[in-house]
Amino acid sequence: MTGTRRHRAAGPLFVAPFLTLFLLLFLAPLGYAAYLSLFQSRLIGGTVFVGLDNYTQALGDPQLLHGVGRVALFFVIQVPVMLLLALLFALALDSGLLRLARVIRLGIFVPYAVPSVVAALMWGYLYGPDFGPFAQLSRKLDLPAPHFLSDGWMLGSLANIVTWEFVGYNMIILYAALRTIPQELYEAAAVDGAGAWRIAWSVKLPALRPALLLTLLFSVIGSFQLFNEPNLLMKIAPDVISSSYTANLYAYSLAFTGQQVNYAATVSFLLGLVIVIASYGVLLTANRGSSDRRTSRDSLRRAA
């Protein structure tokens, strides 16, 4: 009995460091931000309690709405391309047909190890209309320089940077999931006459659904928190990227440039709510799709 009690008492002790850090670094700042969002700083009267007035103002703020819409468009364009590339690379590496697979895997993953600030500065140099290598090469060939930092190209340029950074990260997640698939499934499929493409479609892709869902959720969170890349490219293209280009950049500008800390906390809370809703929508869609597939399989089995 004494040993059982000791084991039971050890559980909370092991969890205590995480709970302490979670409380101090997440819940406490979150609660303080919620508190700030209920106040306004005025020239006359100082800081006053306004309840939900900041949220009402934010829901009608065109700069915030445009920023959220722009990030949503970025997500629709960039994430499918990034995950498709990560999936293709993971399948190619898992096939065992590539020479120097370890070197290739490391080369694909290396951009993720580059800090996003450095990546944005590097690509900003490459995009430069006056000093960038693409512009210099175009001038030597007597061709018009590509306008990577123009209004029409900027969202695609940002998507290219983020894709370059995170393809390797998502590829590692998918590749690790592929390595956990039992070899017996491949052998059984080969005995049934399935080729490499059929095995990839019928065995590997179904087994990758949980990993793909995980990468999709990470991509939802990362896309709506887009900040470093537009913040740095804003120095190069200030006429294209404004302080409200993304919702996260808008909240930062309100807090540290406009000194509107209370309203910035409100914008941050609403952005977090958008992320929660989008993530829940992804999970709900994935679970509904899985339920529909299970229902179809059960119906076929009953019919057989």
C-alpha atoms as a PDB file:
ATOM      1  CA  MET A   1       0.000   0.000   0.000  1.00  0.00           C
ATOM      2  CA  THR A   2       2.817   2.361   0.814  1.00  0.00           C
ATOM      3  CA  GLY A   3       4.425   1.779  -2.594  1.00  0.00           C
ATOM      4  CA  THR A   4       1.110   2.411  -4.352  1.00  0.00           C
ATOM      5  CA  ARG A   5       0.662   5.691  -2.522  1.00  0.00           C
ATOM      6  CA  ARG A   6       4.165   6.759  -3.462  1.00  0.00           C
ATOM      7  CA  HIS A   7       3.479   5.995  -7.126  1.00  0.00           C
ATOM      8  CA  ARG A   8       0.262   8.003  -6.983  1.00  0.00           C
ATOM      9  CA  ALA A   9       2.043  10.931  -5.350  1.00  0.00           C
ATOM     10  CA  ALA A  10       4.815  10.829  -7.950  1.00  0.00           C
ATOM     11  CA  GLY A  11       2.416  11.548 -10.808  1.00  0.00           C
ATOM     12  CA  PRO A  12       1.569  15.142  -9.824  1.00  0.00           C
ATOM     13  CA  LEU A  13       5.243  15.814  -9.087  1.00  0.00           C
ATOM     14  CA  PHE A  14       6.233  14.807 -12.625  1.00  0.00           C
ATOM     15  CA  VAL A  15       3.444  16.942 -14.115  1.00  0.00           C
ATOM     16  CA  ALA A  16       4.096  19.953 -11.852  1.00  0.00           C
ATOM     17  CA  PRO A  17       6.959  21.516 -13.911  1.00  0.00           C
ATOM     18  CA  PHE A  18       4.854  21.497 -17.076  1.00  0.00           C
ATOM     19  CA  LEU A  19       1.781  22.848 -15.296  1.00  0.00           C
ATOM     20  CA  THR A  20       3.836  25.604 -13.680  1.00  0.00           C
ATOM     21  CA  LEU A  21       5.322  26.730 -16.975  1.00  0.00           C
ATOM     22  CA  PHE A  22       1.944  26.399 -18.711  1.00  0.00           C
ATOM     23  CA  LEU A  23       0.372  28.606 -16.047  1.00  0.00           C
ATOM     24  CA  LEU A  24       3.119  31.240 -16.026  1.00  0.00           C
ATOM     25  CA  LEU A  25       3.917  31.401 -19.751  1.00  0.00           C
ATOM     26  CA  PHE A  26       0.508  30.766 -21.311  1.00  0.00           C
ATOM     27  CA  LEU A  27      -2.522  31.112 -19.047  1.00  0.00           C
ATOM     28  CA  ALA A  28      -1.275  34.125 -17.098  1.00  0.00           C
ATOM     29  CA  PRO A  29      -0.378  36.213 -20.207  1.00  0.00           C
ATOM     30  CA  LEU A  30      -3.628  35.105 -21.831  1.00  0.00           C
ATOM     31  CA  GLY A  31      -5.646  36.213 -18.842  1.00  0.00           C
ATOM     32  CA  TYR A  32      -3.790  39.529 -18.676  1.00  0.00           C
ATOM     33  CA  ALA A  33      -4.444  40.143 -22.378  1.00  0.00           C
ATOM     34  CA  ALA A  34      -8.132  39.381 -21.841  1.00  0.00           C
ATOM     35  CA  TYR A  35      -8.141  41.891 -19.006  1.00  0.00           C
ATOM     36  CA  LEU A  36      -6.476  44.564 -21.169  1.00  0.00           C
ATOM     37  CA  SER A  37      -8.975  44.054 -24.000  1.00  0.00           C
ATOM     38  CA  LEU A  38     -11.806  45.282 -21.749  1.00  0.00           C
ATOM     39  CA  PHE A  39     -10.265  48.743 -21.250  1.00  0.00           C
ATOM     40  CA  GLN A  40      -9.423  51.815 -23.301  1.00  0.00           C
ATOM     41  CA  SER A  41      -6.824  54.520 -22.735  1.00  0.00           C
ATOM     42  CA  ARG A  42      -8.306  57.968 -23.341  1.00  0.00           C
ATOM     43  CA  LEU A  43      -6.763  61.420 -23.298  1.00  0.00           C
ATOM     44  CA  ILE A  44      -9.459  62.564 -20.909  1.00  0.00           C
ATOM     45  CA  GLY A  45     -10.259  60.191 -18.093  1.00  0.00           C
ATOM     46  CA  GLY A  46      -7.253  57.873 -18.468  1.00  0.00           C
ATOM     47  CA  THR A  47      -7.853  54.134 -18.694  1.00  0.00           C
ATOM     48  CA  VAL A  48     -11.546  53.303 -18.436  1.00  0.00           C
ATOM     49  CA  PHE A  49     -13.524  50.076 -18.519  1.00  0.00           C
ATOM     50  CA  VAL A  50     -15.439  49.706 -21.810  1.00  0.00           C
ATOM     51  CA  GLY A  51     -16.562  46.086 -21.708  1.00  0.00           C
ATOM     52  CA  LEU A  52     -16.913  44.617 -25.203  1.00  0.00           C
ATOM     53  CA  ASP A  53     -16.646  47.934 -27.060  1.00  0.00           C
ATOM     54  CA  ASN A  54     -13.177  47.062 -28.345  1.00  0.00           C
ATOM     55  CA  TYR A  55     -14.497  43.799 -29.797  1.00  0.00           C
ATOM     56  CA  THR A  56     -17.392  45.608 -31.485  1.00  0.00           C
ATOM     57  CA  GLN A  57     -14.948  48.068 -33.004  1.00  0.00           C
ATOM     58  CA  ALA A  58     -12.607  45.284 -34.166  1.00  0.00           C
ATOM     59  CA  LEU A  59     -15.386  43.310 -35.865  1.00  0.00           C
ATOM     60  CA  GLY A  60     -16.101  46.360 -38.010  1.00  0.00           C
ATOM     61  CA  ASP A  61     -12.458  47.337 -38.562  1.00  0.00           C
ATOM     62  CA  PRO A  62     -11.788  47.139 -42.330  1.00  0.00           C
ATOM     63  CA  GLN A  63      -8.027  46.881 -41.826  1.00  0.00           C
ATOM     64  CA  LEU A  64      -8.417  43.819 -39.601  1.00  0.00           C
ATOM     65  CA  LEU A  65     -10.981  42.204 -41.896  1.00  0.00           C
ATOM     66  CA  HIS A  66      -8.797  42.742 -44.965  1.00  0.00           C
ATOM     67  CA  GLY A  67      -5.795  41.328 -43.105  1.00  0.00           C
ATOM     68  CA  VAL A  68      -7.684  38.189 -42.087  1.00  0.00           C
ATOM     69  CA  GLY A  69      -9.056  37.765 -45.607  1.00  0.00           C
ATOM     70  CA  ARG A  70      -5.586  38.163 -47.119  1.00  0.00           C
ATOM     71  CA  VAL A  71      -4.160  35.535 -44.771  1.00  0.00           C
ATOM     72  CA  ALA A  72      -7.064  33.185 -45.568  1.00  0.00           C
ATOM     73  CA  LEU A  73      -6.271  33.555 -49.280  1.00  0.00           C
ATOM     74  CA  PHE A  74      -2.615  32.910 -48.498  1.00  0.00           C
ATOM     75  CA  PHE A  75      -3.614  29.705 -46.679  1.00  0.00           C
ATOM     76  CA  VAL A  76      -5.746  28.478 -49.597  1.00  0.00           C
ATOM     77  CA  ILE A  77      -2.922  29.067 -52.090  1.00  0.00           C
ATOM     78  CA  GLN A  78       0.201  28.161 -50.150  1.00  0.00           C
ATOM     79  CA  VAL A  79      -0.718  25.239 -47.898  1.00  0.00           C
ATOM     80  CA  PRO A  80      -1.902  22.784 -50.613  1.00  0.00           C
ATOM     81  CA  VAL A  81       1.263  23.392 -52.634  1.00  0.00           C
ATOM     82  CA  MET A  82       3.511  22.988 -49.579  1.00  0.00           C
ATOM     83  CA  LEU A  83       1.850  19.796 -48.346  1.00  0.00           C
ATOM     84  CA  LEU A  84       1.776  18.274 -51.828  1.00  0.00           C
ATOM     85  CA  LEU A  85       5.516  18.879 -52.235  1.00  0.00           C
ATOM     86  CA  ALA A  86       6.195  17.490 -48.755  1.00  0.00           C
ATOM     87  CA  LEU A  87       4.117  14.403 -49.567  1.00  0.00           C
ATOM     88  CA  LEU A  88       5.906  13.810 -52.878  1.00  0.00           C
ATOM     89  CA  PHE A  89       9.322  14.152 -51.261  1.00  0.00           C
ATOM     90  CA  ALA A  90       8.350  11.815 -48.403  1.00  0.00           C
ATOM     91  CA  LEU A  91       7.026   9.174 -50.807  1.00  0.00           C
ATOM     92  CA  ALA A  92      10.124   9.459 -52.994  1.00  0.00           C
ATOM     93  CA  LEU A  93      12.449   9.029 -50.018  1.00  0.00           C
ATOM     94  CA  ASP A  94      10.430   6.118 -48.655  1.00  0.00           C
ATOM     95  CA  SER A  95      10.413   4.338 -52.007  1.00  0.00           C
ATOM     96  CA  GLY A  96      14.097   3.409 -51.608  1.00  0.00           C
ATOM     97  CA  LEU A  97      14.780   4.220 -55.259  1.00  0.00           C
ATOM     98  CA  LEU A  98      16.727   7.429 -54.648  1.00  0.00           C
ATOM     99  CA  ARG A  99      20.482   7.415 -54.405  1.00  0.00           C
ATOM    100  CA  LEU A 100      22.021   9.440 -51.575  1.00  0.00           C
ATOM    101  CA  ALA A 101      18.625   9.505 -49.852  1.00  0.00           C
ATOM    102  CA  ARG A 102      20.103  10.778 -46.572  1.00  0.00           C
ATOM    103  CA  VAL A 103      21.819  13.683 -48.294  1.00  0.00           C
ATOM    104  CA  ILE A 104      18.640  14.561 -50.194  1.00  0.00           C
ATOM    105  CA  ARG A 105      16.561  14.352 -47.006  1.00  0.00           C
ATOM    106  CA  LEU A 106      18.980  16.635 -45.191  1.00  0.00           C
ATOM    107  CA  GLY A 107      19.032  19.080 -48.111  1.00  0.00           C
ATOM    108  CA  ILE A 108      15.233  19.335 -48.112  1.00  0.00           C
ATOM    109  CA  PHE A 109      15.128  19.815 -44.341  1.00  0.00           C
ATOM    110  CA  VAL A 110      17.949  22.391 -44.076  1.00  0.00           C
ATOM    111  CA  PRO A 111      15.765  25.437 -45.017  1.00  0.00           C
ATOM    112  CA  TYR A 112      13.664  24.784 -41.914  1.00  0.00           C
ATOM    113  CA  ALA A 113      16.809  25.211 -39.802  1.00  0.00           C
ATOM    114  CA  VAL A 114      17.287  28.702 -41.283  1.00  0.00           C
ATOM    115  CA  PRO A 115      15.573  31.313 -39.058  1.00  0.00           C
ATOM    116  CA  SER A 116      12.578  32.899 -40.726  1.00  0.00           C
ATOM    117  CA  VAL A 117      14.158  36.346 -40.366  1.00  0.00           C
ATOM    118  CA  VAL A 118      17.253  35.224 -42.269  1.00  0.00           C
ATOM    119  CA  ALA A 119      15.106  33.481 -44.885  1.00  0.00           C
ATOM    120  CA  ALA A 120      13.018  36.618 -45.436  1.00  0.00           C
ATOM    121  CA  LEU A 121      16.146  38.776 -45.769  1.00  0.00           C
ATOM    122  CA  MET A 122      17.704  36.318 -48.213  1.00  0.00           C
ATOM    123  CA  TRP A 123      14.622  36.097 -50.409  1.00  0.00           C
ATOM    124  CA  GLY A 124      14.129  39.845 -50.137  1.00  0.00           C
ATOM    125  CA  TYR A 125      17.568  40.252 -51.703  1.00  0.00           C
ATOM    126  CA  LEU A 126      16.700  37.753 -54.444  1.00  0.00           C
ATOM    127  CA  TYR A 127      13.424  39.564 -55.131  1.00  0.00           C
ATOM    128  CA  GLY A 128      15.050  43.018 -55.251  1.00  0.00           C
ATOM    129  CA  PRO A 129      14.009  44.905 -58.413  1.00  0.00           C
ATOM    130  CA  ASP A 130      17.274  46.893 -58.540  1.00  0.00           C
ATOM    131  CA  PHE A 131      19.971  44.718 -56.960  1.00  0.00           C
ATOM    132  CA  GLY A 132      18.497  41.204 -57.045  1.00  0.00           C
ATOM    133  CA  PRO A 133      20.071  38.525 -59.275  1.00  0.00           C
ATOM    134  CA  PHE A 134      16.784  37.958 -61.135  1.00  0.00           C
ATOM    135  CA  ALA A 135      16.586  41.646 -62.025  1.00  0.00           C
ATOM    136  CA  GLN A 136      20.265  41.751 -63.058  1.00  0.00           C
ATOM    137  CA  LEU A 137      19.875  38.666 -65.254  1.00  0.00           C
ATOM    138  CA  SER A 138      16.767  40.124 -66.888  1.00  0.00           C
ATOM    139  CA  ARG A 139      18.620  43.347 -67.714  1.00  0.00           C
ATOM    140  CA  LYS A 140      21.497  41.415 -69.268  1.00  0.00           C
ATOM    141  CA  LEU A 141      19.031  39.529 -71.449  1.00  0.00           C
ATOM    142  CA  ASP A 142      17.158  42.754 -72.312  1.00  0.00           C
ATOM    143  CA  LEU A 143      14.024  41.410 -70.655  1.00  0.00           C
ATOM    144  CA  PRO A 144      11.677  43.234 -68.273  1.00  0.00           C
ATOM    145  CA  ALA A 145      12.610  42.621 -64.639  1.00  0.00           C
ATOM    146  CA  PRO A 146      10.112  40.468 -62.722  1.00  0.00           C
ATOM    147  CA  HIS A 147       8.114  42.442 -60.179  1.00  0.00           C
ATOM    148  CA  PHE A 148       8.206  39.976 -57.294  1.00  0.00           C
ATOM    149  CA  LEU A 149       7.519  42.742 -54.777  1.00  0.00           C
ATOM    150  CA  SER A 150       4.609  44.327 -56.625  1.00  0.00           C
ATOM    151  CA  ASP A 151       1.055  44.279 -55.323  1.00  0.00           C
ATOM    152  CA  GLY A 152      -0.005  41.489 -57.667  1.00  0.00           C
ATOM    153  CA  TRP A 153       2.993  39.269 -56.917  1.00  0.00           C
ATOM    154  CA  MET A 154       3.565  39.896 -53.212  1.00  0.00           C
ATOM    155  CA  LEU A 155       1.267  37.216 -51.823  1.00  0.00           C
ATOM    156  CA  GLY A 156       2.848  34.627 -54.128  1.00  0.00           C
ATOM    157  CA  SER A 157       6.325  35.792 -53.135  1.00  0.00           C
ATOM    158  CA  LEU A 158       5.487  35.369 -49.454  1.00  0.00           C
ATOM    159  CA  ALA A 159       3.996  31.942 -50.178  1.00  0.00           C
ATOM    160  CA  ASN A 160       7.221  30.937 -51.911  1.00  0.00           C
ATOM    161  CA  ILE A 161       9.308  31.919 -48.869  1.00  0.00           C
ATOM    162  CA  VAL A 162       7.077  30.045 -46.411  1.00  0.00           C
ATOM    163  CA  THR A 163       6.941  26.998 -48.690  1.00  0.00           C
ATOM    164  CA  TRP A 164      10.732  26.968 -48.987  1.00  0.00           C
ATOM    165  CA  GLU A 165      11.009  27.139 -45.193  1.00  0.00           C
ATOM    166  CA  PHE A 166       8.471  24.491 -44.178  1.00  0.00           C
ATOM    167  CA  VAL A 167       8.393  21.841 -46.893  1.00  0.00           C
ATOM    168  CA  GLY A 168      11.235  20.008 -45.168  1.00  0.00           C
ATOM    169  CA  TYR A 169       9.561  20.156 -41.760  1.00  0.00           C
ATOM    170  CA  ASN A 170       6.325  18.650 -43.066  1.00  0.00           C
ATOM    171  CA  MET A 171       8.264  16.150 -45.163  1.00  0.00           C
ATOM    172  CA  ILE A 172      10.001  14.820 -42.032  1.00  0.00           C
ATOM    173  CA  ILE A 173       6.645  14.339 -40.269  1.00  0.00           C
ATOM    174  CA  LEU A 174       5.201  12.453 -43.241  1.00  0.00           C
ATOM    175  CA  TYR A 175       8.375  10.437 -43.782  1.00  0.00           C
ATOM    176  CA  ALA A 176       8.427   9.402 -40.120  1.00  0.00           C
ATOM    177  CA  ALA A 177       4.801   8.267 -40.435  1.00  0.00           C
ATOM    178  CA  LEU A 178       5.676   6.233 -43.520  1.00  0.00           C
ATOM    179  CA  ARG A 179       8.467   4.450 -41.668  1.00  0.00           C
ATOM    180  CA  THR A 180       5.973   3.186 -39.067  1.00  0.00           C
ATOM    181  CA  ILE A 181       3.848   1.309 -41.622  1.00  0.00           C
ATOM    182  CA  PRO A 182       4.331  -2.460 -41.116  1.00  0.00           C
ATOM    183  CA  GLN A 183       6.362  -4.084 -43.869  1.00  0.00           C
ATOM    184  CA  GLU A 184       3.818  -6.907 -43.966  1.00  0.00           C
ATOM    185  CA  LEU A 185       1.284  -4.607 -45.627  1.00  0.00           C
ATOM    186  CA  TYR A 186       3.686  -3.947 -48.505  1.00  0.00           C
ATOM    187  CA  GLU A 187       4.412  -7.631 -48.872  1.00  0.00           C
ATOM    188  CA  ALA A 188       0.726  -8.525 -48.889  1.00  0.00           C
ATOM    189  CA  ALA A 189      -0.008  -5.857 -51.505  1.00  0.00           C
ATOM    190  CA  ALA A 190       2.898  -7.090 -53.660  1.00  0.00           C
ATOM    191  CA  VAL A 191       1.590 -10.658 -53.448  1.00  0.00           C
ATOM    192  CA  ASP A 192      -1.792  -9.396 -54.680  1.00  0.00           C
ATOM    193  CA  GLY A 193      -0.023  -7.919 -57.708  1.00  0.00           C
ATOM    194  CA  ALA A 194       0.069  -4.258 -56.662  1.00  0.00           C
ATOM    195  CA  GLY A 195       2.836  -2.151 -58.156  1.00  0.00           C
ATOM    196  CA  ALA A 196       4.666   0.765 -56.602  1.00  0.00           C
ATOM    197  CA  TRP A 197       2.017   3.334 -57.592  1.00  0.00           C
ATOM    198  CA  ARG A 198      -0.826   1.136 -56.363  1.00  0.00           C
ATOM    199  CA  ILE A 199       0.927   0.558 -53.025  1.00  0.00           C
ATOM    200  CA  ALA A 200       1.490   4.280 -52.627  1.00  0.00           C
ATOM    201  CA  TRP A 201      -2.175   5.063 -53.369  1.00  0.00           C
ATOM    202  CA  SER A 202      -3.878   2.215 -51.502  1.00  0.00           C
ATOM    203  CA  VAL A 203      -1.489   1.553 -48.592  1.00  0.00           C
ATOM    204  CA  LYS A 204       0.707   4.563 -47.912  1.00  0.00           C
ATOM    205  CA  LEU A 205      -1.750   7.419 -48.413  1.00  0.00           C
ATOM    206  CA  PRO A 206      -4.481   5.952 -46.157  1.00  0.00           C
ATOM    207  CA  ALA A 207      -1.868   5.344 -43.452  1.00  0.00           C
ATOM    208  CA  LEU A 208      -0.704   8.960 -43.775  1.00  0.00           C
ATOM    209  CA  ARG A 209      -4.082  10.551 -43.040  1.00  0.00           C
ATOM    210  CA  PRO A 210      -3.346  11.245 -39.317  1.00  0.00           C
ATOM    211  CA  ALA A 211       0.055  12.759 -40.183  1.00  0.00           C
ATOM    212  CA  LEU A 212      -1.450  14.840 -42.996  1.00  0.00           C
ATOM    213  CA  LEU A 213      -4.117  16.109 -40.610  1.00  0.00           C
ATOM    214  CA  LEU A 214      -1.413  17.069 -38.111  1.00  0.00           C
ATOM    215  CA  THR A 215       0.570  19.001 -40.727  1.00  0.00           C
ATOM    216  CA  LEU A 216      -2.622  20.688 -41.914  1.00  0.00           C
ATOM    217  CA  LEU A 217      -3.442  21.858 -38.387  1.00  0.00           C
ATOM    218  CA  PHE A 218       0.077  23.206 -37.937  1.00  0.00           C
ATOM    219  CA  SER A 219      -0.291  24.994 -41.280  1.00  0.00           C
ATOM    220  CA  VAL A 220      -3.584  26.598 -40.223  1.00  0.00           C
ATOM    221  CA  ILE A 221      -1.970  27.997 -37.079  1.00  0.00           C
ATOM    222  CA  GLY A 222       1.191  29.112 -38.885  1.00  0.00           C
ATOM    223  CA  SER A 223      -0.631  30.764 -41.791  1.00  0.00           C
ATOM    224  CA  PHE A 224      -2.883  32.927 -39.644  1.00  0.00           C
ATOM    225  CA  GLN A 225       0.114  33.910 -37.510  1.00  0.00           C
ATOM    226  CA  LEU A 226       2.110  35.091 -40.541  1.00  0.00           C
ATOM    227  CA  PHE A 227       4.367  37.893 -39.308  1.00  0.00           C
ATOM    228  CA  ASN A 228       8.149  37.743 -39.843  1.00  0.00           C
ATOM    229  CA  GLU A 229       8.148  37.567 -43.639  1.00  0.00           C
ATOM    230  CA  PRO A 230       5.783  40.499 -44.341  1.00  0.00           C
ATOM    231  CA  ASN A 231       7.304  42.525 -41.508  1.00  0.00           C
ATOM    232  CA  LEU A 232      10.776  42.342 -43.087  1.00  0.00           C
ATOM    233  CA  LEU A 233       9.655  42.707 -46.708  1.00  0.00           C
ATOM    234  CA  MET A 234       7.711  45.801 -45.653  1.00  0.00           C
ATOM    235  CA  LYS A 235      11.069  47.591 -45.394  1.00  0.00           C
ATOM    236  CA  ILE A 236      11.747  46.803 -49.076  1.00  0.00           C
ATOM    237  CA  ALA A 237       8.218  47.330 -50.414  1.00  0.00           C
ATOM    238  CA  PRO A 238       6.485  49.802 -48.049  1.00  0.00           C
ATOM    239  CA  ASP A 239       3.998  50.825 -50.746  1.00  0.00           C
ATOM    240  CA  VAL A 240       2.726  47.230 -51.044  1.00  0.00           C
ATOM    241  CA  ILE A 241       2.927  45.877 -47.477  1.00  0.00           C
ATOM    242  CA  SER A 242       1.252  48.123 -44.937  1.00  0.00           C
ATOM    243  CA  SER A 243       1.206  47.777 -41.169  1.00  0.00           C
ATOM    244  CA  SER A 244      -2.121  45.917 -41.483  1.00  0.00           C
ATOM    245  CA  TYR A 245      -1.101  43.532 -44.268  1.00  0.00           C
ATOM    246  CA  THR A 246      -1.743  40.544 -41.978  1.00  0.00           C
ATOM    247  CA  ALA A 247      -3.772  40.402 -38.779  1.00  0.00           C
ATOM    248  CA  ASN A 248      -0.738  39.484 -36.681  1.00  0.00           C
ATOM    249  CA  LEU A 249       1.285  42.356 -38.140  1.00  0.00           C
ATOM    250  CA  TYR A 250      -1.649  44.678 -37.481  1.00  0.00           C
ATOM    251  CA  ALA A 251      -1.794  43.687 -33.810  1.00  0.00           C
ATOM    252  CA  TYR A 252       1.966  44.223 -33.459  1.00  0.00           C
ATOM    253  CA  SER A 253       1.762  47.661 -35.109  1.00  0.00           C
ATOM    254  CA  LEU A 254      -1.123  48.703 -32.872  1.00  0.00           C
ATOM    255  CA  ALA A 255       0.754  47.713 -29.724  1.00  0.00           C
ATOM    256  CA  PHE A 256       4.303  48.888 -30.439  1.00  0.00           C
ATOM    257  CA  THR A 257       3.838  51.653 -33.014  1.00  0.00           C
ATOM    258  CA  GLY A 258       0.412  53.074 -32.267  1.00  0.00           C
ATOM    259  CA  GLN A 259       0.649  52.467 -28.494  1.00  0.00           C
ATOM    260  CA  GLN A 260      -2.901  51.054 -28.543  1.00  0.00           C
ATOM    261  CA  VAL A 261      -2.192  48.147 -26.237  1.00  0.00           C
ATOM    262  CA  ASN A 262      -5.825  47.504 -25.284  1.00  0.00           C
ATOM    263  CA  TYR A 263      -7.059  47.389 -28.860  1.00  0.00           C
ATOM    264  CA  ALA A 264      -4.063  45.245 -29.874  1.00  0.00           C
ATOM    265  CA  ALA A 265      -5.038  42.721 -27.185  1.00  0.00           C
ATOM    266  CA  THR A 266      -8.544  42.650 -28.626  1.00  0.00           C
ATOM    267  CA  VAL A 267      -7.269  42.039 -32.155  1.00  0.00           C
ATOM    268  CA  SER A 268      -5.001  39.268 -30.874  1.00  0.00           C
ATOM    269  CA  PHE A 269      -7.913  37.593 -29.098  1.00  0.00           C
ATOM    270  CA  LEU A 270     -10.076  37.700 -32.218  1.00  0.00           C
ATOM    271  CA  LEU A 271      -7.211  36.310 -34.296  1.00  0.00           C
ATOM    272  CA  GLY A 272      -6.874  33.446 -31.821  1.00  0.00           C
ATOM    273  CA  LEU A 273     -10.607  32.820 -32.131  1.00  0.00           C
ATOM    274  CA  VAL A 274     -10.304  32.678 -35.928  1.00  0.00           C
ATOM    275  CA  ILE A 275      -7.484  30.124 -35.600  1.00  0.00           C
ATOM    276  CA  VAL A 276      -9.564  27.995 -33.224  1.00  0.00           C
ATOM    277  CA  ILE A 277     -12.566  28.065 -35.561  1.00  0.00           C
ATOM    278  CA  ALA A 278     -10.454  27.233 -38.625  1.00  0.00           C
ATOM    279  CA  SER A 279      -8.696  24.384 -36.800  1.00  0.00           C
ATOM    280  CA  TYR A 280     -11.994  23.000 -35.560  1.00  0.00           C
ATOM    281  CA  GLY A 281     -13.385  23.190 -39.090  1.00  0.00           C
ATOM    282  CA  VAL A 282     -10.450  21.159 -40.391  1.00  0.00           C
ATOM    283  CA  LEU A 283     -10.875  18.536 -37.656  1.00  0.00           C
ATOM    284  CA  LEU A 284     -14.632  18.358 -38.184  1.00  0.00           C
ATOM    285  CA  THR A 285     -14.227  17.918 -41.938  1.00  0.00           C
ATOM    286  CA  ALA A 286     -11.584  15.229 -41.497  1.00  0.00           C
ATOM    287  CA  ASN A 287     -13.633  13.313 -38.911  1.00  0.00           C
ATOM    288  CA  ARG A 288     -16.756  13.535 -41.048  1.00  0.00           C
ATOM    289  CA  GLY A 289     -14.836  12.217 -44.046  1.00  0.00           C
ATOM    290  CA  SER A 290     -13.497   9.309 -41.995  1.00  0.00           C
ATOM    291  CA  SER A 291     -17.005   8.500 -40.725  1.00  0.00           C
ATOM    292  CA  ASP A 292     -18.398   8.547 -44.277  1.00  0.00           C
ATOM    293  CA  ARG A 293     -15.664   6.203 -45.469  1.00  0.00           C
ATOM    294  CA  ARG A 294     -16.298   3.792 -42.590  1.00  0.00           C
ATOM    295  CA  THR A 295     -20.044   3.845 -43.314  1.00  0.00           C
ATOM    296  CA  SER A 296     -19.415   3.079 -46.982  1.00  0.00           C
ATOM    297  CA  ARG A 297     -17.127   0.159 -46.127  1.00  0.00           C
ATOM    298  CA  ASP A 298     -19.676  -1.260 -43.675  1.00  0.00           C
ATOM    299  CA  SER A 299     -22.415  -0.998 -46.287  1.00  0.00           C
ATOM    300  CA  LEU A 300     -20.295  -2.843 -48.854  1.00  0.00           C
ATOM    301  CA  ARG A 301     -19.521  -5.570 -46.348  1.00  0.00           C
ATOM    302  CA  ARG A 302     -23.197  -6.057 -45.517  1.00  0.00           C
ATOM    303  CA  ALA A 303     -24.069  -6.170 -49.214  1.00  0.00           C
ATOM    304  CA  ALA A 304     -21.372  -8.797 -49.799  1.00  0.00           C
END
